[in-house]
Protein backbone atom coordinates (compact mmCIF):
# COMPACT_ATOMS: atom_id res chain seq x y z
CA MET A 1 7.22 3.92 -10.44
CA GLY A 2 10.10 2.04 -8.85
CA ALA A 3 10.81 -1.65 -8.69
CA GLU A 4 8.20 -4.17 -7.68
CA GLN A 5 9.47 -7.34 -6.09
CA SER A 6 6.89 -10.08 -5.90
CA THR A 7 7.28 -13.25 -3.85
CA ALA A 8 3.68 -13.76 -2.79
CA ASN A 9 1.54 -16.56 -4.14
CA VAL A 10 3.92 -17.16 -7.05
CA ALA A 11 6.09 -19.87 -5.51
CA THR A 12 3.50 -21.32 -3.15
CA GLY A 13 0.25 -20.86 -5.01
CA SER A 14 -1.15 -19.83 -1.61
CA LYS A 15 -4.65 -18.40 -1.35
CA GLY A 16 -3.81 -17.13 2.13
CA PRO A 17 -2.91 -13.70 3.48
CA VAL A 18 -0.93 -11.23 1.43
CA CYS A 19 1.30 -8.50 2.84
CA LEU A 20 2.34 -5.42 0.88
CA VAL A 21 5.18 -3.26 2.18
CA VAL A 22 5.32 0.00 0.24
CA ASN A 23 8.22 2.38 0.82
CA VAL A 24 7.73 5.84 -0.65
CA GLU A 25 9.60 9.09 -0.67
CA ILE A 26 7.32 12.08 -1.14
CA LYS A 27 8.22 15.46 -2.59
CA GLU A 28 8.62 17.73 0.44
CA ASP A 29 6.29 20.40 -0.94
CA ARG A 30 3.55 17.74 -1.35
CA ILE A 31 3.68 16.11 2.10
CA ASP A 32 0.52 17.81 3.44
CA GLU A 33 -1.40 16.67 0.36
CA PHE A 34 0.06 13.16 0.67
CA LEU A 35 -1.01 12.90 4.31
CA LYS A 36 -4.61 13.73 3.40
CA VAL A 37 -4.61 11.25 0.50
CA ILE A 38 -2.98 8.41 2.41
CA GLU A 39 -5.25 8.91 5.42
CA ALA A 40 -8.29 8.62 3.15
CA ASP A 41 -6.79 5.50 1.54
CA ALA A 42 -5.91 3.92 4.89
CA VAL A 43 -9.30 4.61 6.49
CA GLY A 44 -11.17 3.46 3.38
CA SER A 45 -9.02 0.35 3.09
CA ARG A 46 -9.62 -0.65 6.70
CA ASN A 47 -13.34 -0.82 5.89
CA GLU A 48 -12.85 -3.21 2.97
CA PRO A 49 -14.01 -6.78 3.63
CA GLY A 50 -10.60 -8.33 2.80
CA CYS A 51 -8.33 -5.77 4.46
CA LEU A 52 -6.86 -7.17 7.65
CA ARG A 53 -4.65 -4.18 8.48
CA PHE A 54 -3.33 -0.96 6.93
CA ASP A 55 -0.60 0.96 8.74
CA VAL A 56 1.17 4.16 7.71
CA LEU A 57 4.61 4.81 9.21
CA ARG A 58 6.86 7.84 8.86
CA SER A 59 10.66 7.80 9.03
CA GLY A 60 12.15 11.22 8.42
CA ILE A 61 10.56 14.19 6.77
CA ALA A 62 9.50 12.66 3.48
CA SER A 63 9.90 8.88 3.85
CA PHE A 64 6.89 6.69 4.56
CA THR A 65 6.17 2.98 4.78
CA LEU A 66 2.72 1.50 4.17
CA ILE A 67 2.18 -1.97 5.60
CA GLU A 68 -0.95 -3.59 4.27
CA TYR A 69 -2.38 -7.02 5.02
CA TYR A 70 -5.13 -8.58 2.92
CA SER A 71 -6.93 -11.90 3.26
CA ASP A 72 -5.87 -13.03 -0.23
CA ASP A 73 -5.02 -11.81 -3.74
CA ASP A 74 -8.71 -11.22 -4.53
CA ALA A 75 -8.85 -8.71 -1.67
CA VAL A 76 -5.86 -6.86 -3.17
CA VAL A 77 -7.65 -6.70 -6.53
CA TYR A 78 -10.76 -5.38 -4.79
CA HIS A 79 -8.68 -2.79 -2.92
CA LYS A 80 -7.16 -1.45 -6.13
CA ALA A 81 -10.65 -0.89 -7.58
CA GLN A 82 -11.81 1.37 -4.73
CA PRO A 83 -12.20 5.17 -4.96
CA HIS A 84 -9.83 5.77 -2.03
CA PHE A 85 -7.10 3.82 -3.85
CA ALA A 86 -7.72 6.04 -6.91
CA LEU A 87 -6.79 9.07 -4.76
CA TRP A 88 -3.39 7.47 -4.13
CA THR A 89 -2.99 6.56 -7.81
CA ASP A 90 -3.87 10.13 -8.84
CA PHE A 91 -1.35 11.53 -6.34
CA LYS A 92 1.41 9.33 -7.80
CA THR A 93 0.43 10.18 -11.37
CA GLY A 94 0.45 13.87 -10.41
CA GLY A 95 4.13 13.69 -9.56
CA GLY A 96 4.00 13.69 -5.76
CA VAL A 97 6.19 10.60 -5.36
CA VAL A 98 9.98 10.79 -5.70
CA SER A 99 10.46 7.01 -5.44
CA GLN A 100 8.52 3.90 -4.52
CA THR A 101 9.33 0.25 -3.91
CA VAL A 102 6.79 -2.50 -3.26
CA LEU A 103 7.43 -5.85 -1.63
CA LYS A 104 4.59 -8.36 -1.91
CA ALA A 105 4.83 -11.43 0.31
CA ASP A 106 2.80 -14.33 1.68
CA GLY A 107 1.66 -13.82 5.25
CA LEU A 108 3.00 -16.67 7.38
CA PHE A 109 3.14 -15.79 11.09
CA MET A 110 0.94 -12.75 11.58
CA SER A 111 -0.72 -11.32 14.64
């Protein structure tokens, strides 16, 4: 779904922090379901050993931004293997997402 732009760890070979910025537009009749799924994913992710931060932002009725920080690429791989991530994958596969873009970047100056 959507374009994925990757700048992290490719040019630098860094094993440092990784930031994912996911912009999604959700079908309006699926927003309540999305909120339950993304809350479960965010809470579960925050308990992962390599997750440094997982924020969910809303801009408008159906537009959301997920900002996720992980200690390194291995932590991202671990995240994608978790049951709470599968809820998000199932929601997308089930047609709840209108559009999605992902920006993956090296974390440089983070707080």
